[in-house]
Amino acid sequence: MHNSVSDTLGRIAVIVGVESDASDKEALTALGRKIAMHVAAANPQSLSIESLDSTLLDREKAVLVEQAKSSGKPESVIEKMVEGRLRKFYEEVVLLEQPFIMDNDKK
């Protein structure tokens, strides 16, 4: 997911298309702007967990497994540690998992 473009001046541009049956076009435009600001600030790497680049995910899992193994904990604990750290990773790189920058209680 390539969601933003940075030009030589260091600016970031994000284009968001919003489609709805709602009659309040101003509210829809405002929502689109907020989503665009979120994307520019949070720089997600994919829209969903399912669409995340498998190479990136495999690399992250390998790093997390090695880190967990170095703790000397049992394999069952290592699996839980990796699962928890993967959830945190998804919150950092997957748009639909990220806390919304305008309201951290929402994704």
PDB file of N, CA and C in Angstrom:
ATOM      1  N   MET A   1       0.854  -1.166   0.000  1.00  0.00           N
ATOM      2  CA  MET A   1       0.000   0.000   0.000  1.00  0.00           C
ATOM      3  C   MET A   1       0.894   1.220   0.000  1.00  0.00           C
ATOM      4  N   HIS A   2       0.910   1.928  -1.077  1.00  0.00           N
ATOM      5  CA  HIS A   2       1.642   3.187  -1.124  1.00  0.00           C
ATOM      6  C   HIS A   2       0.617   4.272  -0.907  1.00  0.00           C
ATOM      7  N   ASN A   3       0.720   4.915   0.248  1.00  0.00           N
ATOM      8  CA  ASN A   3      -0.338   5.813   0.637  1.00  0.00           C
ATOM      9  C   ASN A   3       0.059   7.266   0.660  1.00  0.00           C
ATOM     10  N   SER A   4       1.327   7.530   0.579  1.00  0.00           N
ATOM     11  CA  SER A   4       1.739   8.919   0.624  1.00  0.00           C
ATOM     12  C   SER A   4       2.920   9.120  -0.298  1.00  0.00           C
ATOM     13  N   VAL A   5       3.107  10.351  -0.717  1.00  0.00           N
ATOM     14  CA  VAL A   5       4.193  10.705  -1.601  1.00  0.00           C
ATOM     15  C   VAL A   5       4.948  11.857  -0.968  1.00  0.00           C
ATOM     16  N   SER A   6       6.246  11.729  -0.880  1.00  0.00           N
ATOM     17  CA  SER A   6       7.067  12.794  -0.325  1.00  0.00           C
ATOM     18  C   SER A   6       7.835  13.431  -1.473  1.00  0.00           C
ATOM     19  N   ASP A   7       7.758  14.735  -1.609  1.00  0.00           N
ATOM     20  CA  ASP A   7       8.493  15.401  -2.674  1.00  0.00           C
ATOM     21  C   ASP A   7       9.835  15.888  -2.148  1.00  0.00           C
ATOM     22  N   THR A   8      10.601  16.539  -2.987  1.00  0.00           N
ATOM     23  CA  THR A   8      11.938  16.973  -2.610  1.00  0.00           C
ATOM     24  C   THR A   8      11.936  18.051  -1.545  1.00  0.00           C
ATOM     25  N   LEU A   9      10.808  18.670  -1.275  1.00  0.00           N
ATOM     26  CA  LEU A   9      10.733  19.697  -0.246  1.00  0.00           C
ATOM     27  C   LEU A   9      10.345  19.110   1.103  1.00  0.00           C
ATOM     28  N   GLY A  10      10.178  17.796   1.179  1.00  0.00           N
ATOM     29  CA  GLY A  10       9.842  17.153   2.431  1.00  0.00           C
ATOM     30  C   GLY A  10       8.362  17.166   2.760  1.00  0.00           C
ATOM     31  N   ARG A  11       7.538  17.538   1.832  1.00  0.00           N
ATOM     32  CA  ARG A  11       6.092  17.522   2.068  1.00  0.00           C
ATOM     33  C   ARG A  11       5.534  16.145   1.740  1.00  0.00           C
ATOM     34  N   ILE A  12       4.431  15.815   2.378  1.00  0.00           N
ATOM     35  CA  ILE A  12       3.768  14.541   2.130  1.00  0.00           C
ATOM     36  C   ILE A  12       2.374  14.830   1.592  1.00  0.00           C
ATOM     37  N   ALA A  13       1.997  14.094   0.557  1.00  0.00           N
ATOM     38  CA  ALA A  13       0.655  14.236  -0.004  1.00  0.00           C
ATOM     39  C   ALA A  13      -0.069  12.900   0.114  1.00  0.00           C
ATOM     40  N   VAL A  14      -1.327  12.958   0.498  1.00  0.00           N
ATOM     41  CA  VAL A  14      -2.150  11.760   0.624  1.00  0.00           C
ATOM     42  C   VAL A  14      -3.470  12.038  -0.074  1.00  0.00           C
ATOM     43  N   ILE A  15      -3.913  11.088  -0.869  1.00  0.00           N
ATOM     44  CA  ILE A  15      -5.206  11.209  -1.539  1.00  0.00           C
ATOM     45  C   ILE A  15      -6.121  10.132  -0.981  1.00  0.00           C
ATOM     46  N   VAL A  16      -7.288  10.549  -0.519  1.00  0.00           N
ATOM     47  CA  VAL A  16      -8.271   9.621   0.017  1.00  0.00           C
ATOM     48  C   VAL A  16      -9.559   9.790  -0.769  1.00  0.00           C
ATOM     49  N   GLY A  17     -10.076   8.701  -1.289  1.00  0.00           N
ATOM     50  CA  GLY A  17     -11.367   8.720  -1.966  1.00  0.00           C
ATOM     51  C   GLY A  17     -12.425   8.227  -0.997  1.00  0.00           C
ATOM     52  N   VAL A  18     -13.488   8.986  -0.829  1.00  0.00           N
ATOM     53  CA  VAL A  18     -14.554   8.619   0.097  1.00  0.00           C
ATOM     54  C   VAL A  18     -15.851   8.569  -0.693  1.00  0.00           C
ATOM     55  N   GLU A  19     -16.587   7.487  -0.501  1.00  0.00           N
ATOM     56  CA  GLU A  19     -17.858   7.321  -1.199  1.00  0.00           C
ATOM     57  C   GLU A  19     -18.910   6.925  -0.175  1.00  0.00           C
ATOM     58  N   SER A  20     -20.063   7.576  -0.231  1.00  0.00           N
ATOM     59  CA  SER A  20     -21.111   7.296   0.741  1.00  0.00           C
ATOM     60  C   SER A  20     -22.459   7.745   0.203  1.00  0.00           C
ATOM     61  N   ASP A  21     -23.501   7.163   0.766  1.00  0.00           N
ATOM     62  CA  ASP A  21     -24.860   7.595   0.447  1.00  0.00           C
ATOM     63  C   ASP A  21     -25.309   8.725   1.365  1.00  0.00           C
ATOM     64  N   ALA A  22     -24.460   9.106   2.298  1.00  0.00           N
ATOM     65  CA  ALA A  22     -24.803  10.162   3.257  1.00  0.00           C
ATOM     66  C   ALA A  22     -25.047  11.474   2.523  1.00  0.00           C
ATOM     67  N   SER A  23     -25.961  12.253   3.044  1.00  0.00           N
ATOM     68  CA  SER A  23     -26.311  13.509   2.392  1.00  0.00           C
ATOM     69  C   SER A  23     -25.447  14.678   2.864  1.00  0.00           C
ATOM     70  N   ASP A  24     -24.739  14.508   3.975  1.00  0.00           N
ATOM     71  CA  ASP A  24     -23.923  15.586   4.529  1.00  0.00           C
ATOM     72  C   ASP A  24     -22.522  15.543   3.917  1.00  0.00           C
ATOM     73  N   LYS A  25     -22.370  16.217   2.788  1.00  0.00           N
ATOM     74  CA  LYS A  25     -21.108  16.216   2.051  1.00  0.00           C
ATOM     75  C   LYS A  25     -19.978  16.877   2.848  1.00  0.00           C
ATOM     76  N   GLU A  26     -20.296  17.888   3.639  1.00  0.00           N
ATOM     77  CA  GLU A  26     -19.269  18.563   4.442  1.00  0.00           C
ATOM     78  C   GLU A  26     -18.689  17.620   5.484  1.00  0.00           C
ATOM     79  N   ALA A  27     -19.539  16.862   6.136  1.00  0.00           N
ATOM     80  CA  ALA A  27     -19.072  15.900   7.139  1.00  0.00           C
ATOM     81  C   ALA A  27     -18.228  14.812   6.480  1.00  0.00           C
ATOM     82  N   LEU A  28     -18.636  14.382   5.300  1.00  0.00           N
ATOM     83  CA  LEU A  28     -17.891  13.364   4.568  1.00  0.00           C
ATOM     84  C   LEU A  28     -16.519  13.892   4.148  1.00  0.00           C
ATOM     85  N   THR A  29     -16.478  15.123   3.680  1.00  0.00           N
ATOM     86  CA  THR A  29     -15.211  15.752   3.308  1.00  0.00           C
ATOM     87  C   THR A  29     -14.302  15.899   4.523  1.00  0.00           C
ATOM     88  N   ALA A  30     -14.873  16.303   5.648  1.00  0.00           N
ATOM     89  CA  ALA A  30     -14.089  16.445   6.886  1.00  0.00           C
ATOM     90  C   ALA A  30     -13.518  15.102   7.318  1.00  0.00           C
ATOM     91  N   LEU A  31     -14.314  14.038   7.215  1.00  0.00           N
ATOM     92  CA  LEU A  31     -13.837  12.704   7.561  1.00  0.00           C
ATOM     93  C   LEU A  31     -12.693  12.300   6.639  1.00  0.00           C
ATOM     94  N   GLY A  32     -12.838  12.546   5.356  1.00  0.00           N
ATOM     95  CA  GLY A  32     -11.776  12.242   4.393  1.00  0.00           C
ATOM     96  C   GLY A  32     -10.483  12.958   4.730  1.00  0.00           C
ATOM     97  N   ARG A  33     -10.585  14.226   5.123  1.00  0.00           N
ATOM     98  CA  ARG A  33      -9.393  14.994   5.504  1.00  0.00           C
ATOM     99  C   ARG A  33      -8.727  14.391   6.741  1.00  0.00           C
ATOM    100  N   LYS A  34      -9.532  14.000   7.718  1.00  0.00           N
ATOM    101  CA  LYS A  34      -8.983  13.406   8.942  1.00  0.00           C
ATOM    102  C   LYS A  34      -8.274  12.087   8.641  1.00  0.00           C
ATOM    103  N   ILE A  35      -8.868  11.278   7.766  1.00  0.00           N
ATOM    104  CA  ILE A  35      -8.242  10.014   7.381  1.00  0.00           C
ATOM    105  C   ILE A  35      -6.932  10.285   6.649  1.00  0.00           C
ATOM    106  N   ALA A  36      -6.932  11.277   5.754  1.00  0.00           N
ATOM    107  CA  ALA A  36      -5.706  11.627   5.030  1.00  0.00           C
ATOM    108  C   ALA A  36      -4.620  12.102   5.993  1.00  0.00           C
ATOM    109  N   MET A  37      -4.985  12.901   6.989  1.00  0.00           N
ATOM    110  CA  MET A  37      -4.002  13.362   7.975  1.00  0.00           C
ATOM    111  C   MET A  37      -3.452  12.183   8.773  1.00  0.00           C
ATOM    112  N   HIS A  38      -4.327  11.247   9.119  1.00  0.00           N
ATOM    113  CA  HIS A  38      -3.878  10.060   9.847  1.00  0.00           C
ATOM    114  C   HIS A  38      -2.866   9.279   9.013  1.00  0.00           C
ATOM    115  N   VAL A  39      -3.190   9.042   7.749  1.00  0.00           N
ATOM    116  CA  VAL A  39      -2.307   8.282   6.863  1.00  0.00           C
ATOM    117  C   VAL A  39      -0.958   8.992   6.714  1.00  0.00           C
ATOM    118  N   ALA A  40      -0.988  10.307   6.554  1.00  0.00           N
ATOM    119  CA  ALA A  40       0.262  11.066   6.423  1.00  0.00           C
ATOM    120  C   ALA A  40       1.101  10.969   7.692  1.00  0.00           C
ATOM    121  N   ALA A  41       0.460  11.021   8.850  1.00  0.00           N
ATOM    122  CA  ALA A  41       1.187  10.997  10.117  1.00  0.00           C
ATOM    123  C   ALA A  41       1.632   9.591  10.504  1.00  0.00           C
ATOM    124  N   ALA A  42       0.779   8.596  10.308  1.00  0.00           N
ATOM    125  CA  ALA A  42       1.057   7.245  10.800  1.00  0.00           C
ATOM    126  C   ALA A  42       1.771   6.353   9.780  1.00  0.00           C
ATOM    127  N   ASN A  43       1.713   6.723   8.508  1.00  0.00           N
ATOM    128  CA  ASN A  43       2.391   6.004   7.433  1.00  0.00           C
ATOM    129  C   ASN A  43       2.168   4.489   7.479  1.00  0.00           C
ATOM    130  N   PRO A  44       0.917   4.020   7.422  1.00  0.00           N
ATOM    131  CA  PRO A  44       0.673   2.579   7.444  1.00  0.00           C
ATOM    132  C   PRO A  44       1.275   1.905   6.210  1.00  0.00           C
ATOM    133  N   GLN A  45       1.678   0.655   6.384  1.00  0.00           N
ATOM    134  CA  GLN A  45       2.281  -0.104   5.291  1.00  0.00           C
ATOM    135  C   GLN A  45       1.258  -0.928   4.521  1.00  0.00           C
ATOM    136  N   SER A  46       0.083  -1.146   5.129  1.00  0.00           N
ATOM    137  CA  SER A  46      -0.977  -1.874   4.446  1.00  0.00           C
ATOM    138  C   SER A  46      -2.329  -1.470   5.029  1.00  0.00           C
ATOM    139  N   LEU A  47      -3.372  -1.788   4.307  1.00  0.00           N
ATOM    140  CA  LEU A  47      -4.725  -1.479   4.759  1.00  0.00           C
ATOM    141  C   LEU A  47      -5.168  -2.439   5.859  1.00  0.00           C
ATOM    142  N   SER A  48      -4.907  -3.729   5.654  1.00  0.00           N
ATOM    143  CA  SER A  48      -5.360  -4.752   6.596  1.00  0.00           C
ATOM    144  C   SER A  48      -4.233  -5.725   6.894  1.00  0.00           C
ATOM    145  N   ILE A  49      -4.420  -6.530   7.924  1.00  0.00           N
ATOM    146  CA  ILE A  49      -3.427  -7.553   8.264  1.00  0.00           C
ATOM    147  C   ILE A  49      -3.270  -8.517   7.095  1.00  0.00           C
ATOM    148  N   GLU A  50      -4.386  -8.877   6.462  1.00  0.00           N
ATOM    149  CA  GLU A  50      -4.354  -9.828   5.351  1.00  0.00           C
ATOM    150  C   GLU A  50      -3.569  -9.302   4.148  1.00  0.00           C
ATOM    151  N   SER A  51      -3.545  -7.997   3.958  1.00  0.00           N
ATOM    152  CA  SER A  51      -2.848  -7.436   2.800  1.00  0.00           C
ATOM    153  C   SER A  51      -1.415  -7.014   3.112  1.00  0.00           C
ATOM    154  N   LEU A  52      -0.960  -7.272   4.334  1.00  0.00           N
ATOM    155  CA  LEU A  52       0.404  -6.935   4.728  1.00  0.00           C
ATOM    156  C   LEU A  52       1.393  -7.789   3.939  1.00  0.00           C
ATOM    157  N   ASP A  53       2.454  -7.192   3.457  1.00  0.00           N
ATOM    158  CA  ASP A  53       3.489  -7.889   2.696  1.00  0.00           C
ATOM    159  C   ASP A  53       4.018  -9.072   3.515  1.00  0.00           C
ATOM    160  N   SER A  54       3.917 -10.279   2.973  1.00  0.00           N
ATOM    161  CA  SER A  54       4.320 -11.477   3.714  1.00  0.00           C
ATOM    162  C   SER A  54       5.810 -11.481   4.031  1.00  0.00           C
ATOM    163  N   THR A  55       6.631 -10.890   3.173  1.00  0.00           N
ATOM    164  CA  THR A  55       8.072 -10.810   3.435  1.00  0.00           C
ATOM    165  C   THR A  55       8.337  -9.953   4.664  1.00  0.00           C
ATOM    166  N   LEU A  56       7.659  -8.815   4.756  1.00  0.00           N
ATOM    167  CA  LEU A  56       7.793  -7.938   5.909  1.00  0.00           C
ATOM    168  C   LEU A  56       7.329  -8.648   7.182  1.00  0.00           C
ATOM    169  N   LEU A  57       6.211  -9.340   7.099  1.00  0.00           N
ATOM    170  CA  LEU A  57       5.669 -10.056   8.249  1.00  0.00           C
ATOM    171  C   LEU A  57       6.606 -11.183   8.682  1.00  0.00           C
ATOM    172  N   ASP A  58       7.119 -11.955   7.738  1.00  0.00           N
ATOM    173  CA  ASP A  58       8.038 -13.050   8.065  1.00  0.00           C
ATOM    174  C   ASP A  58       9.302 -12.524   8.729  1.00  0.00           C
ATOM    175  N   ARG A  59       9.819 -11.429   8.220  1.00  0.00           N
ATOM    176  CA  ARG A  59      11.036 -10.825   8.797  1.00  0.00           C
ATOM    177  C   ARG A  59      10.778 -10.362  10.228  1.00  0.00           C
ATOM    178  N   GLU A  60       9.626  -9.710  10.446  1.00  0.00           N
ATOM    179  CA  GLU A  60       9.285  -9.232  11.783  1.00  0.00           C
ATOM    180  C   GLU A  60       9.108 -10.400  12.747  1.00  0.00           C
ATOM    181  N   LYS A  61       8.416 -11.465  12.309  1.00  0.00           N
ATOM    182  CA  LYS A  61       8.218 -12.640  13.156  1.00  0.00           C
ATOM    183  C   LYS A  61       9.558 -13.254  13.546  1.00  0.00           C
ATOM    184  N   ALA A  62      10.481 -13.363  12.581  1.00  0.00           N
ATOM    185  CA  ALA A  62      11.793 -13.954  12.862  1.00  0.00           C
ATOM    186  C   ALA A  62      12.534 -13.151  13.922  1.00  0.00           C
ATOM    187  N   VAL A  63      12.495 -11.837  13.815  1.00  0.00           N
ATOM    188  CA  VAL A  63      13.150 -10.970  14.798  1.00  0.00           C
ATOM    189  C   VAL A  63      12.501 -11.150  16.169  1.00  0.00           C
ATOM    190  N   LEU A  64      11.179 -11.161  16.208  1.00  0.00           N
ATOM    191  CA  LEU A  64      10.468 -11.298  17.472  1.00  0.00           C
ATOM    192  C   LEU A  64      10.728 -12.656  18.124  1.00  0.00           C
ATOM    193  N   VAL A  65      10.790 -13.726  17.327  1.00  0.00           N
ATOM    194  CA  VAL A  65      11.077 -15.058  17.862  1.00  0.00           C
ATOM    195  C   VAL A  65      12.473 -15.087  18.461  1.00  0.00           C
ATOM    196  N   GLU A  66      13.456 -14.536  17.758  1.00  0.00           N
ATOM    197  CA  GLU A  66      14.831 -14.505  18.275  1.00  0.00           C
ATOM    198  C   GLU A  66      14.923 -13.706  19.574  1.00  0.00           C
ATOM    199  N   GLN A  67      14.248 -12.572  19.610  1.00  0.00           N
ATOM    200  CA  GLN A  67      14.249 -11.763  20.836  1.00  0.00           C
ATOM    201  C   GLN A  67      13.628 -12.543  21.995  1.00  0.00           C
ATOM    202  N   ALA A  68      12.528 -13.208  21.727  1.00  0.00           N
ATOM    203  CA  ALA A  68      11.846 -13.961  22.773  1.00  0.00           C
ATOM    204  C   ALA A  68      12.681 -15.156  23.232  1.00  0.00           C
ATOM    205  N   LYS A  69      13.330 -15.838  22.294  1.00  0.00           N
ATOM    206  CA  LYS A  69      14.168 -16.987  22.653  1.00  0.00           C
ATOM    207  C   LYS A  69      15.340 -16.571  23.534  1.00  0.00           C
ATOM    208  N   SER A  70      15.861 -15.384  23.295  1.00  0.00           N
ATOM    209  CA  SER A  70      17.010 -14.928  24.084  1.00  0.00           C
ATOM    210  C   SER A  70      16.630 -14.668  25.545  1.00  0.00           C
ATOM    211  N   SER A  71      15.322 -14.641  25.826  1.00  0.00           N
ATOM    212  CA  SER A  71      14.871 -14.431  27.203  1.00  0.00           C
ATOM    213  C   SER A  71      15.013 -15.701  28.039  1.00  0.00           C
ATOM    214  N   GLY A  72      15.181 -16.848  27.354  1.00  0.00           N
ATOM    215  CA  GLY A  72      15.333 -18.109  28.059  1.00  0.00           C
ATOM    216  C   GLY A  72      14.028 -18.689  28.569  1.00  0.00           C
ATOM    217  N   LYS A  73      12.923 -18.158  28.157  1.00  0.00           N
ATOM    218  CA  LYS A  73      11.610 -18.620  28.623  1.00  0.00           C
ATOM    219  C   LYS A  73      11.197 -19.887  27.855  1.00  0.00           C
ATOM    220  N   PRO A  74      10.248 -20.647  28.408  1.00  0.00           N
ATOM    221  CA  PRO A  74       9.760 -21.860  27.726  1.00  0.00           C
ATOM    222  C   PRO A  74       9.063 -21.520  26.404  1.00  0.00           C
ATOM    223  N   GLU A  75       9.022 -22.514  25.528  1.00  0.00           N
ATOM    224  CA  GLU A  75       8.449 -22.327  24.187  1.00  0.00           C
ATOM    225  C   GLU A  75       7.012 -21.804  24.233  1.00  0.00           C
ATOM    226  N   SER A  76       6.195 -22.295  25.159  1.00  0.00           N
ATOM    227  CA  SER A  76       4.802 -21.838  25.250  1.00  0.00           C
ATOM    228  C   SER A  76       4.727 -20.355  25.605  1.00  0.00           C
ATOM    229  N   VAL A  77       5.634 -19.895  26.440  1.00  0.00           N
ATOM    230  CA  VAL A  77       5.677 -18.476  26.811  1.00  0.00           C
ATOM    231  C   VAL A  77       6.195 -17.650  25.639  1.00  0.00           C
ATOM    232  N   ILE A  78       7.170 -18.194  24.924  1.00  0.00           N
ATOM    233  CA  ILE A  78       7.730 -17.499  23.753  1.00  0.00           C
ATOM    234  C   ILE A  78       6.635 -17.250  22.722  1.00  0.00           C
ATOM    235  N   GLU A  79       5.784 -18.266  22.472  1.00  0.00           N
ATOM    236  CA  GLU A  79       4.699 -18.107  21.509  1.00  0.00           C
ATOM    237  C   GLU A  79       3.773 -16.963  21.913  1.00  0.00           C
ATOM    238  N   LYS A  80       3.423 -16.890  23.172  1.00  0.00           N
ATOM    239  CA  LYS A  80       2.538 -15.822  23.666  1.00  0.00           C
ATOM    240  C   LYS A  80       3.222 -14.460  23.556  1.00  0.00           C
ATOM    241  N   MET A  81       4.524 -14.410  23.841  1.00  0.00           N
ATOM    242  CA  MET A  81       5.271 -13.155  23.725  1.00  0.00           C
ATOM    243  C   MET A  81       5.258 -12.666  22.281  1.00  0.00           C
ATOM    244  N   VAL A  82       5.498 -13.584  21.349  1.00  0.00           N
ATOM    245  CA  VAL A  82       5.516 -13.231  19.925  1.00  0.00           C
ATOM    246  C   VAL A  82       4.137 -12.771  19.476  1.00  0.00           C
ATOM    247  N   GLU A  83       3.081 -13.462  19.906  1.00  0.00           N
ATOM    248  CA  GLU A  83       1.707 -13.056  19.549  1.00  0.00           C
ATOM    249  C   GLU A  83       1.416 -11.637  20.019  1.00  0.00           C
ATOM    250  N   GLY A  84       1.772 -11.322  21.248  1.00  0.00           N
ATOM    251  CA  GLY A  84       1.544  -9.983  21.790  1.00  0.00           C
ATOM    252  C   GLY A  84       2.327  -8.918  21.054  1.00  0.00           C
ATOM    253  N   ARG A  85       3.569  -9.237  20.741  1.00  0.00           N
ATOM    254  CA  ARG A  85       4.410  -8.269  20.021  1.00  0.00           C
ATOM    255  C   ARG A  85       3.948  -8.091  18.582  1.00  0.00           C
ATOM    256  N   LEU A  86       3.401  -9.155  17.986  1.00  0.00           N
ATOM    257  CA  LEU A  86       2.843  -9.018  16.631  1.00  0.00           C
ATOM    258  C   LEU A  86       1.625  -8.111  16.635  1.00  0.00           C
ATOM    259  N   ARG A  87       0.778  -8.225  17.671  1.00  0.00           N
ATOM    260  CA  ARG A  87      -0.378  -7.312  17.760  1.00  0.00           C
ATOM    261  C   ARG A  87       0.089  -5.866  17.810  1.00  0.00           C
ATOM    262  N   LYS A  88       1.144  -5.604  18.562  1.00  0.00           N
ATOM    263  CA  LYS A  88       1.710  -4.255  18.649  1.00  0.00           C
ATOM    264  C   LYS A  88       2.263  -3.822  17.287  1.00  0.00           C
ATOM    265  N   PHE A  89       2.940  -4.734  16.597  1.00  0.00           N
ATOM    266  CA  PHE A  89       3.471  -4.459  15.262  1.00  0.00           C
ATOM    267  C   PHE A  89       2.340  -4.081  14.303  1.00  0.00           C
ATOM    268  N   TYR A  90       1.228  -4.833  14.363  1.00  0.00           N
ATOM    269  CA  TYR A  90       0.082  -4.529  13.494  1.00  0.00           C
ATOM    270  C   TYR A  90      -0.458  -3.129  13.782  1.00  0.00           C
ATOM    271  N   GLU A  91      -0.493  -2.745  15.039  1.00  0.00           N
ATOM    272  CA  GLU A  91      -0.975  -1.410  15.402  1.00  0.00           C
ATOM    273  C   GLU A  91      -0.070  -0.313  14.840  1.00  0.00           C
ATOM    274  N   GLU A  92       1.173  -0.651  14.581  1.00  0.00           N
ATOM    275  CA  GLU A  92       2.109   0.329  14.034  1.00  0.00           C
ATOM    276  C   GLU A  92       2.040   0.425  12.522  1.00  0.00           C
ATOM    277  N   VAL A  93       1.789  -0.701  11.812  1.00  0.00           N
ATOM    278  CA  VAL A  93       1.940  -0.704  10.359  1.00  0.00           C
ATOM    279  C   VAL A  93       0.671  -0.983   9.547  1.00  0.00           C
ATOM    280  N   VAL A  94      -0.425  -1.366  10.199  1.00  0.00           N
ATOM    281  CA  VAL A  94      -1.659  -1.709   9.479  1.00  0.00           C
ATOM    282  C   VAL A  94      -2.716  -0.637   9.763  1.00  0.00           C
ATOM    283  N   LEU A  95      -3.188   0.016   8.722  1.00  0.00           N
ATOM    284  CA  LEU A  95      -4.125   1.133   8.869  1.00  0.00           C
ATOM    285  C   LEU A  95      -5.339   0.776   9.733  1.00  0.00           C
ATOM    286  N   LEU A  96      -5.974  -0.341   9.459  1.00  0.00           N
ATOM    287  CA  LEU A  96      -7.190  -0.697  10.183  1.00  0.00           C
ATOM    288  C   LEU A  96      -6.929  -1.130  11.625  1.00  0.00           C
ATOM    289  N   GLU A  97      -5.679  -1.291  12.005  1.00  0.00           N
ATOM    290  CA  GLU A  97      -5.318  -1.663  13.374  1.00  0.00           C
ATOM    291  C   GLU A  97      -4.749  -0.479  14.160  1.00  0.00           C
ATOM    292  N   GLN A  98      -4.423   0.599  13.475  1.00  0.00           N
ATOM    293  CA  GLN A  98      -3.808   1.752  14.136  1.00  0.00           C
ATOM    294  C   GLN A  98      -4.830   2.542  14.945  1.00  0.00           C
ATOM    295  N   PRO A  99      -4.437   3.004  16.133  1.00  0.00           N
ATOM    296  CA  PRO A  99      -5.301   3.954  16.851  1.00  0.00           C
ATOM    297  C   PRO A  99      -5.404   5.234  16.013  1.00  0.00           C
ATOM    298  N   PHE A 100      -6.598   5.758  15.879  1.00  0.00           N
ATOM    299  CA  PHE A 100      -6.844   6.958  15.077  1.00  0.00           C
ATOM    300  C   PHE A 100      -6.173   8.154  15.744  1.00  0.00           C
ATOM    301  N   ILE A 101      -5.394   8.915  14.999  1.00  0.00           N
ATOM    302  CA  ILE A 101      -4.643  10.020  15.610  1.00  0.00           C
ATOM    303  C   ILE A 101      -5.545  11.114  16.172  1.00  0.00           C
ATOM    304  N   MET A 102      -6.760  11.197  15.681  1.00  0.00           N
ATOM    305  CA  MET A 102      -7.693  12.206  16.168  1.00  0.00           C
ATOM    306  C   MET A 102      -8.421  11.756  17.440  1.00  0.00           C
ATOM    307  N   ASP A 103      -8.456  10.418  17.654  1.00  0.00           N
ATOM    308  CA  ASP A 103      -9.153   9.853  18.811  1.00  0.00           C
ATOM    309  C   ASP A 103      -8.576   8.452  19.050  1.00  0.00           C
ATOM    310  N   ASN A 104      -7.645   8.336  19.993  1.00  0.00           N
ATOM    311  CA  ASN A 104      -6.946   7.075  20.234  1.00  0.00           C
ATOM    312  C   ASN A 104      -7.859   5.935  20.688  1.00  0.00           C
ATOM    313  N   ASP A 105      -9.094   6.242  21.058  1.00  0.00           N
ATOM    314  CA  ASP A 105     -10.033   5.201  21.460  1.00  0.00           C
ATOM    315  C   ASP A 105     -10.646   4.501  20.245  1.00  0.00           C
ATOM    316  N   LYS A 106     -10.396   5.031  19.067  1.00  0.00           N
ATOM    317  CA  LYS A 106     -10.939   4.454  17.821  1.00  0.00           C
ATOM    318  C   LYS A 106      -9.813   3.962  16.952  1.00  0.00           C
ATOM    319  N   LYS A 107     -10.128   2.977  16.129  1.00  0.00           N
ATOM    320  CA  LYS A 107      -9.179   2.497  15.126  1.00  0.00           C
ATOM    321  C   LYS A 107      -9.608   3.023  13.779  1.00  0.00           C
TER     322      LYS A 107
END
